[in-house]
């Protein structure tokens, strides 16, 4: 009876329920991207007299915040698309984990307002709220993967050691964002934003390191499956 109940709550990849969940998640990310434009207020008529005046108005800060958060949410969407796309089925636990993750995604337009409004963009608290929002969203999205692994719905599960490597690679993003908080209070908001730019270097380096480590772990798993299972 318990087994039948468990099976009934598992929606296979070919099912309508799986497709509805996948479409719903995509729609939420699209809405979060769209909501970012709410933070961009139309400039005053006098600011349209030249490009310099236009960019010198509050529009410059607003477009900067829009651009940063658009890229961030797009990266989150691609990661979620890749994670859920690797599911053989979806379960109530993985649905719940996804709902928790998107709760922090839809907060990004709110926290973006703090870093894009010229009246608050230089405040350390605005930087802190944004950094915490992004960091928690990263961790929540990582949890989706581990819940899926626990429920046995990954189509191509990696050896446990490889999952650890992937987690370490993922943690580089919250590490950089959280490190920007003390920077904002000690050196100012501009230096904190420069800290975020480190991800343009650290991210690819960490990604290449993780890819090499995972390739070696998978090769070792193929050669010694029993030992890899224990690892």
C-alpha atoms as a PDB file:
ATOM      1  CA  UNK A   1       0.000   0.000   0.000  1.00  0.00           C
ATOM      2  CA  UNK A   2       2.808   2.425   0.914  1.00  0.00           C
ATOM      3  CA  UNK A   3       4.640   1.594  -2.314  1.00  0.00           C
ATOM      4  CA  UNK A   4       1.517   2.250  -4.375  1.00  0.00           C
ATOM      5  CA  UNK A   5       1.029   5.602  -2.640  1.00  0.00           C
ATOM      6  CA  UNK A   6       4.644   6.561  -3.338  1.00  0.00           C
ATOM      7  CA  UNK A   7       4.336   5.638  -7.006  1.00  0.00           C
ATOM      8  CA  UNK A   8       1.121   7.646  -7.378  1.00  0.00           C
ATOM      9  CA  UNK A   9       2.890  10.801  -6.181  1.00  0.00           C
ATOM     10  CA  UNK A  10       5.728  10.379  -8.667  1.00  0.00           C
ATOM     11  CA  UNK A  11       5.071  12.027 -12.027  1.00  0.00           C
ATOM     12  CA  UNK A  12       7.090  10.547 -14.867  1.00  0.00           C
ATOM     13  CA  UNK A  13       8.818  12.717 -17.426  1.00  0.00           C
ATOM     14  CA  UNK A  14       6.258  11.894 -20.142  1.00  0.00           C
ATOM     15  CA  UNK A  15       3.302  12.849 -17.943  1.00  0.00           C
ATOM     16  CA  UNK A  16       1.189  15.986 -18.232  1.00  0.00           C
ATOM     17  CA  UNK A  17       1.975  16.827 -14.596  1.00  0.00           C
ATOM     18  CA  UNK A  18       5.714  16.908 -15.317  1.00  0.00           C
ATOM     19  CA  UNK A  19       5.182  19.181 -18.339  1.00  0.00           C
ATOM     20  CA  UNK A  20       2.937  21.513 -16.316  1.00  0.00           C
ATOM     21  CA  UNK A  21       5.525  21.807 -13.559  1.00  0.00           C
ATOM     22  CA  UNK A  22       8.327  22.494 -16.049  1.00  0.00           C
ATOM     23  CA  UNK A  23       6.227  25.149 -17.823  1.00  0.00           C
ATOM     24  CA  UNK A  24       5.225  26.765 -14.517  1.00  0.00           C
ATOM     25  CA  UNK A  25       8.848  27.099 -13.409  1.00  0.00           C
ATOM     26  CA  UNK A  26       9.862  28.627 -16.736  1.00  0.00           C
ATOM     27  CA  UNK A  27       6.958  31.098 -16.483  1.00  0.00           C
ATOM     28  CA  UNK A  28       7.996  32.240 -12.994  1.00  0.00           C
ATOM     29  CA  UNK A  29      11.537  32.976 -14.153  1.00  0.00           C
ATOM     30  CA  UNK A  30      10.147  34.891 -17.148  1.00  0.00           C
ATOM     31  CA  UNK A  31       7.902  36.949 -14.856  1.00  0.00           C
ATOM     32  CA  UNK A  32      10.824  37.714 -12.517  1.00  0.00           C
ATOM     33  CA  UNK A  33      12.847  38.960 -15.510  1.00  0.00           C
ATOM     34  CA  UNK A  34       9.930  41.101 -16.662  1.00  0.00           C
ATOM     35  CA  UNK A  35       9.370  42.626 -13.226  1.00  0.00           C
ATOM     36  CA  UNK A  36      12.890  44.071 -13.288  1.00  0.00           C
ATOM     37  CA  UNK A  37      11.724  46.750 -15.695  1.00  0.00           C
ATOM     38  CA  UNK A  38       9.445  48.133 -12.963  1.00  0.00           C
ATOM     39  CA  UNK A  39      12.583  49.518 -11.307  1.00  0.00           C
ATOM     40  CA  UNK A  40      13.373  51.592 -14.426  1.00  0.00           C
ATOM     41  CA  UNK A  41      11.431  54.845 -14.133  1.00  0.00           C
ATOM     42  CA  UNK A  42      10.896  57.050 -17.203  1.00  0.00           C
ATOM     43  CA  UNK A  43      13.356  59.961 -17.036  1.00  0.00           C
ATOM     44  CA  UNK A  44      12.224  63.578 -16.970  1.00  0.00           C
ATOM     45  CA  UNK A  45      11.621  65.258 -20.311  1.00  0.00           C
ATOM     46  CA  UNK A  46      14.638  67.533 -19.772  1.00  0.00           C
ATOM     47  CA  UNK A  47      16.936  64.495 -19.544  1.00  0.00           C
ATOM     48  CA  UNK A  48      16.201  63.610 -23.157  1.00  0.00           C
ATOM     49  CA  UNK A  49      18.061  66.646 -24.514  1.00  0.00           C
ATOM     50  CA  UNK A  50      21.267  64.620 -24.922  1.00  0.00           C
ATOM     51  CA  UNK A  51      22.654  61.134 -24.341  1.00  0.00           C
ATOM     52  CA  UNK A  52      24.984  62.519 -21.645  1.00  0.00           C
ATOM     53  CA  UNK A  53      22.078  64.073 -19.761  1.00  0.00           C
ATOM     54  CA  UNK A  54      20.038  60.902 -20.144  1.00  0.00           C
ATOM     55  CA  UNK A  55      22.738  58.631 -18.757  1.00  0.00           C
ATOM     56  CA  UNK A  56      23.636  61.195 -16.114  1.00  0.00           C
ATOM     57  CA  UNK A  57      20.138  61.029 -14.684  1.00  0.00           C
ATOM     58  CA  UNK A  58      18.929  58.269 -12.395  1.00  0.00           C
ATOM     59  CA  UNK A  59      18.459  56.152 -15.500  1.00  0.00           C
ATOM     60  CA  UNK A  60      22.140  55.152 -15.419  1.00  0.00           C
ATOM     61  CA  UNK A  61      21.852  53.522 -11.986  1.00  0.00           C
ATOM     62  CA  UNK A  62      18.547  51.929 -12.882  1.00  0.00           C
ATOM     63  CA  UNK A  63      19.896  50.391 -16.082  1.00  0.00           C
ATOM     64  CA  UNK A  64      22.953  49.107 -14.206  1.00  0.00           C
ATOM     65  CA  UNK A  65      20.752  47.368 -11.632  1.00  0.00           C
ATOM     66  CA  UNK A  66      18.497  46.057 -14.390  1.00  0.00           C
ATOM     67  CA  UNK A  67      21.456  44.665 -16.344  1.00  0.00           C
ATOM     68  CA  UNK A  68      23.050  42.962 -13.332  1.00  0.00           C
ATOM     69  CA  UNK A  69      19.827  41.348 -12.149  1.00  0.00           C
ATOM     70  CA  UNK A  70      18.716  40.363 -15.656  1.00  0.00           C
ATOM     71  CA  UNK A  71      21.985  38.461 -16.100  1.00  0.00           C
ATOM     72  CA  UNK A  72      21.682  36.922 -12.618  1.00  0.00           C
ATOM     73  CA  UNK A  73      18.103  35.685 -13.121  1.00  0.00           C
ATOM     74  CA  UNK A  74      18.957  34.413 -16.601  1.00  0.00           C
ATOM     75  CA  UNK A  75      21.786  32.347 -15.097  1.00  0.00           C
ATOM     76  CA  UNK A  76      19.396  31.018 -12.441  1.00  0.00           C
ATOM     77  CA  UNK A  77      16.883  30.056 -15.140  1.00  0.00           C
ATOM     78  CA  UNK A  78      19.511  28.238 -17.194  1.00  0.00           C
ATOM     79  CA  UNK A  79      20.689  26.358 -14.116  1.00  0.00           C
ATOM     80  CA  UNK A  80      17.137  25.394 -13.158  1.00  0.00           C
ATOM     81  CA  UNK A  81      16.365  24.371 -16.737  1.00  0.00           C
ATOM     82  CA  UNK A  82      19.433  22.128 -16.714  1.00  0.00           C
ATOM     83  CA  UNK A  83      18.623  20.611 -13.303  1.00  0.00           C
ATOM     84  CA  UNK A  84      14.943  19.887 -13.971  1.00  0.00           C
ATOM     85  CA  UNK A  85      15.748  18.830 -17.523  1.00  0.00           C
ATOM     86  CA  UNK A  86      17.851  16.062 -15.988  1.00  0.00           C
ATOM     87  CA  UNK A  87      14.911  14.611 -14.031  1.00  0.00           C
ATOM     88  CA  UNK A  88      13.377  11.292 -15.036  1.00  0.00           C
ATOM     89  CA  UNK A  89      10.318  12.216 -12.960  1.00  0.00           C
ATOM     90  CA  UNK A  90       9.161  14.812 -10.487  1.00  0.00           C
ATOM     91  CA  UNK A  91       8.005  14.271  -6.908  1.00  0.00           C
ATOM     92  CA  UNK A  92       6.211  16.372  -4.284  1.00  0.00           C
ATOM     93  CA  UNK A  93       9.564  16.985  -2.553  1.00  0.00           C
ATOM     94  CA  UNK A  94      11.238  18.263  -5.733  1.00  0.00           C
ATOM     95  CA  UNK A  95       8.218  20.464  -6.462  1.00  0.00           C
ATOM     96  CA  UNK A  96       8.419  21.929  -2.952  1.00  0.00           C
ATOM     97  CA  UNK A  97      12.160  22.498  -3.282  1.00  0.00           C
ATOM     98  CA  UNK A  98      11.582  24.337  -6.558  1.00  0.00           C
ATOM     99  CA  UNK A  99       8.885  26.492  -4.988  1.00  0.00           C
ATOM    100  CA  UNK A 100      11.273  27.500  -2.203  1.00  0.00           C
ATOM    101  CA  UNK A 101      13.952  28.337  -4.777  1.00  0.00           C
ATOM    102  CA  UNK A 102      11.677  30.493  -6.939  1.00  0.00           C
ATOM    103  CA  UNK A 103      10.455  32.344  -3.841  1.00  0.00           C
ATOM    104  CA  UNK A 104      13.926  33.859  -3.591  1.00  0.00           C
ATOM    105  CA  UNK A 105      14.091  34.406  -7.358  1.00  0.00           C
ATOM    106  CA  UNK A 106      10.933  36.532  -7.397  1.00  0.00           C
ATOM    107  CA  UNK A 107      12.415  38.629  -4.576  1.00  0.00           C
ATOM    108  CA  UNK A 108      15.300  39.709  -6.806  1.00  0.00           C
ATOM    109  CA  UNK A 109      13.326  42.554  -8.471  1.00  0.00           C
ATOM    110  CA  UNK A 110      12.628  43.897  -4.956  1.00  0.00           C
ATOM    111  CA  UNK A 111      16.251  43.734  -3.800  1.00  0.00           C
ATOM    112  CA  UNK A 112      17.339  45.182  -7.160  1.00  0.00           C
ATOM    113  CA  UNK A 113      15.448  48.361  -6.341  1.00  0.00           C
ATOM    114  CA  UNK A 114      17.861  49.060  -3.505  1.00  0.00           C
ATOM    115  CA  UNK A 115      20.956  48.888  -5.706  1.00  0.00           C
ATOM    116  CA  UNK A 116      19.389  50.676  -8.687  1.00  0.00           C
ATOM    117  CA  UNK A 117      17.798  53.671  -6.975  1.00  0.00           C
ATOM    118  CA  UNK A 118      20.329  56.504  -6.848  1.00  0.00           C
ATOM    119  CA  UNK A 119      19.066  57.482  -3.382  1.00  0.00           C
ATOM    120  CA  UNK A 120      19.957  54.074  -1.926  1.00  0.00           C
ATOM    121  CA  UNK A 121      22.524  52.586  -4.330  1.00  0.00           C
ATOM    122  CA  UNK A 122      25.437  53.714  -2.141  1.00  0.00           C
ATOM    123  CA  UNK A 123      23.971  52.325   1.077  1.00  0.00           C
ATOM    124  CA  UNK A 124      25.732  49.212   2.475  1.00  0.00           C
ATOM    125  CA  UNK A 125      22.355  47.826   3.548  1.00  0.00           C
ATOM    126  CA  UNK A 126      21.120  47.820  -0.063  1.00  0.00           C
ATOM    127  CA  UNK A 127      24.218  45.867  -1.093  1.00  0.00           C
ATOM    128  CA  UNK A 128      23.739  43.479   1.829  1.00  0.00           C
ATOM    129  CA  UNK A 129      20.081  42.742   1.085  1.00  0.00           C
ATOM    130  CA  UNK A 130      20.889  42.066  -2.566  1.00  0.00           C
ATOM    131  CA  UNK A 131      23.897  39.873  -1.731  1.00  0.00           C
ATOM    132  CA  UNK A 132      21.933  37.806   0.794  1.00  0.00           C
ATOM    133  CA  UNK A 133      19.023  37.440  -1.645  1.00  0.00           C
ATOM    134  CA  UNK A 134      21.301  36.092  -4.394  1.00  0.00           C
ATOM    135  CA  UNK A 135      23.240  33.843  -2.011  1.00  0.00           C
ATOM    136  CA  UNK A 136      20.150  32.228  -0.496  1.00  0.00           C
ATOM    137  CA  UNK A 137      18.657  31.760  -3.979  1.00  0.00           C
ATOM    138  CA  UNK A 138      21.813  29.918  -5.079  1.00  0.00           C
ATOM    139  CA  UNK A 139      21.699  27.630  -2.046  1.00  0.00           C
ATOM    140  CA  UNK A 140      17.970  26.972  -2.501  1.00  0.00           C
ATOM    141  CA  UNK A 141      18.501  26.048  -6.133  1.00  0.00           C
ATOM    142  CA  UNK A 142      21.357  23.738  -5.186  1.00  0.00           C
ATOM    143  CA  UNK A 143      19.003  22.063  -2.710  1.00  0.00           C
ATOM    144  CA  UNK A 144      16.663  21.202  -5.600  1.00  0.00           C
ATOM    145  CA  UNK A 145      19.380  18.986  -7.083  1.00  0.00           C
ATOM    146  CA  UNK A 146      20.081  17.170  -3.816  1.00  0.00           C
ATOM    147  CA  UNK A 147      16.377  16.620  -3.116  1.00  0.00           C
ATOM    148  CA  UNK A 148      16.060  15.116  -6.592  1.00  0.00           C
ATOM    149  CA  UNK A 149      19.026  12.857  -5.919  1.00  0.00           C
ATOM    150  CA  UNK A 150      17.508  11.758  -2.626  1.00  0.00           C
ATOM    151  CA  UNK A 151      14.216  10.943  -4.385  1.00  0.00           C
ATOM    152  CA  UNK A 152      16.048   9.002  -7.108  1.00  0.00           C
ATOM    153  CA  UNK A 153      14.734  11.024 -10.049  1.00  0.00           C
ATOM    154  CA  UNK A 154      18.052  11.999 -11.653  1.00  0.00           C
ATOM    155  CA  UNK A 155      18.426  10.439 -15.094  1.00  0.00           C
ATOM    156  CA  UNK A 156      22.227  10.449 -14.958  1.00  0.00           C
ATOM    157  CA  UNK A 157      23.324  10.612 -11.302  1.00  0.00           C
ATOM    158  CA  UNK A 158      26.974  11.283 -10.629  1.00  0.00           C
ATOM    159  CA  UNK A 159      29.081   9.500  -8.021  1.00  0.00           C
ATOM    160  CA  UNK A 160      28.650  11.155  -4.601  1.00  0.00           C
ATOM    161  CA  UNK A 161      32.165  12.644  -4.720  1.00  0.00           C
ATOM    162  CA  UNK A 162      31.311  14.381  -7.997  1.00  0.00           C
ATOM    163  CA  UNK A 163      28.243  15.940  -6.385  1.00  0.00           C
ATOM    164  CA  UNK A 164      30.508  17.354  -3.701  1.00  0.00           C
ATOM    165  CA  UNK A 165      32.714  18.922  -6.375  1.00  0.00           C
ATOM    166  CA  UNK A 166      29.653  20.448  -8.064  1.00  0.00           C
ATOM    167  CA  UNK A 167      28.507  21.862  -4.735  1.00  0.00           C
ATOM    168  CA  UNK A 168      31.905  23.458  -4.104  1.00  0.00           C
ATOM    169  CA  UNK A 169      31.754  25.034  -7.559  1.00  0.00           C
ATOM    170  CA  UNK A 170      28.248  26.342  -6.838  1.00  0.00           C
ATOM    171  CA  UNK A 171      29.330  27.847  -3.519  1.00  0.00           C
ATOM    172  CA  UNK A 172      31.743  30.244  -5.237  1.00  0.00           C
ATOM    173  CA  UNK A 173      28.826  32.520  -6.123  1.00  0.00           C
ATOM    174  CA  UNK A 174      27.375  32.985  -2.616  1.00  0.00           C
ATOM    175  CA  UNK A 175      30.935  33.220  -1.262  1.00  0.00           C
ATOM    176  CA  UNK A 176      31.671  36.224  -3.487  1.00  0.00           C
ATOM    177  CA  UNK A 177      28.329  37.919  -2.830  1.00  0.00           C
ATOM    178  CA  UNK A 178      28.537  37.430   0.926  1.00  0.00           C
ATOM    179  CA  UNK A 179      32.135  38.672   0.925  1.00  0.00           C
ATOM    180  CA  UNK A 180      30.893  41.904  -0.647  1.00  0.00           C
ATOM    181  CA  UNK A 181      28.875  42.748   2.485  1.00  0.00           C
ATOM    182  CA  UNK A 182      31.830  43.617   4.746  1.00  0.00           C
ATOM    183  CA  UNK A 183      33.447  45.303   1.749  1.00  0.00           C
ATOM    184  CA  UNK A 184      30.384  47.542   1.407  1.00  0.00           C
ATOM    185  CA  UNK A 185      30.564  48.595   5.055  1.00  0.00           C
ATOM    186  CA  UNK A 186      34.338  49.053   5.136  1.00  0.00           C
ATOM    187  CA  UNK A 187      35.124  50.460   1.690  1.00  0.00           C
ATOM    188  CA  UNK A 188      31.782  51.497   0.220  1.00  0.00           C
ATOM    189  CA  UNK A 189      29.138  50.213  -2.149  1.00  0.00           C
ATOM    190  CA  UNK A 190      31.190  50.759  -5.311  1.00  0.00           C
ATOM    191  CA  UNK A 191      33.951  48.467  -4.067  1.00  0.00           C
ATOM    192  CA  UNK A 192      31.331  45.889  -3.137  1.00  0.00           C
ATOM    193  CA  UNK A 193      30.014  45.933  -6.712  1.00  0.00           C
ATOM    194  CA  UNK A 194      33.588  45.524  -7.979  1.00  0.00           C
ATOM    195  CA  UNK A 195      33.734  42.429  -5.775  1.00  0.00           C
ATOM    196  CA  UNK A 196      30.821  40.930  -7.719  1.00  0.00           C
ATOM    197  CA  UNK A 197      32.826  41.371 -10.911  1.00  0.00           C
ATOM    198  CA  UNK A 198      35.317  38.833  -9.544  1.00  0.00           C
ATOM    199  CA  UNK A 199      32.802  36.157 -10.538  1.00  0.00           C
ATOM    200  CA  UNK A 200      33.662  36.862 -14.178  1.00  0.00           C
ATOM    201  CA  UNK A 201      37.083  35.380 -13.393  1.00  0.00           C
ATOM    202  CA  UNK A 202      36.415  33.045 -10.466  1.00  0.00           C
ATOM    203  CA  UNK A 203      33.311  31.481 -12.039  1.00  0.00           C
ATOM    204  CA  UNK A 204      34.988  30.143 -15.215  1.00  0.00           C
ATOM    205  CA  UNK A 205      38.080  29.021 -13.285  1.00  0.00           C
ATOM    206  CA  UNK A 206      35.961  27.168 -10.733  1.00  0.00           C
ATOM    207  CA  UNK A 207      33.828  25.683 -13.499  1.00  0.00           C
ATOM    208  CA  UNK A 208      36.851  24.327 -15.368  1.00  0.00           C
ATOM    209  CA  UNK A 209      38.318  22.893 -12.150  1.00  0.00           C
ATOM    210  CA  UNK A 210      35.003  21.198 -11.348  1.00  0.00           C
ATOM    211  CA  UNK A 211      34.649  19.797 -14.875  1.00  0.00           C
ATOM    212  CA  UNK A 212      38.135  18.249 -14.734  1.00  0.00           C
ATOM    213  CA  UNK A 213      37.569  16.772 -11.276  1.00  0.00           C
ATOM    214  CA  UNK A 214      34.181  15.346 -12.242  1.00  0.00           C
ATOM    215  CA  UNK A 215      35.621  13.823 -15.425  1.00  0.00           C
ATOM    216  CA  UNK A 216      38.320  12.077 -13.383  1.00  0.00           C
ATOM    217  CA  UNK A 217      35.791  10.858 -10.815  1.00  0.00           C
ATOM    218  CA  UNK A 218      33.517   9.480 -13.541  1.00  0.00           C
ATOM    219  CA  UNK A 219      36.459   7.763 -15.218  1.00  0.00           C
ATOM    220  CA  UNK A 220      37.455   6.190 -11.899  1.00  0.00           C
ATOM    221  CA  UNK A 221      33.835   5.163 -11.330  1.00  0.00           C
ATOM    222  CA  UNK A 222      33.732   3.430 -14.700  1.00  0.00           C
ATOM    223  CA  UNK A 223      36.968   1.581 -13.943  1.00  0.00           C
ATOM    224  CA  UNK A 224      36.111   0.632 -10.344  1.00  0.00           C
ATOM    225  CA  UNK A 225      32.312   0.775  -9.957  1.00  0.00           C
ATOM    226  CA  UNK A 226      32.283  -0.920  -6.555  1.00  0.00           C
ATOM    227  CA  UNK A 227      34.790   1.510  -5.065  1.00  0.00           C
ATOM    228  CA  UNK A 228      33.024   4.510  -6.606  1.00  0.00           C
ATOM    229  CA  UNK A 229      29.733   3.406  -5.088  1.00  0.00           C
ATOM    230  CA  UNK A 230      31.327   3.366  -1.662  1.00  0.00           C
ATOM    231  CA  UNK A 231      32.875   6.835  -2.291  1.00  0.00           C
END
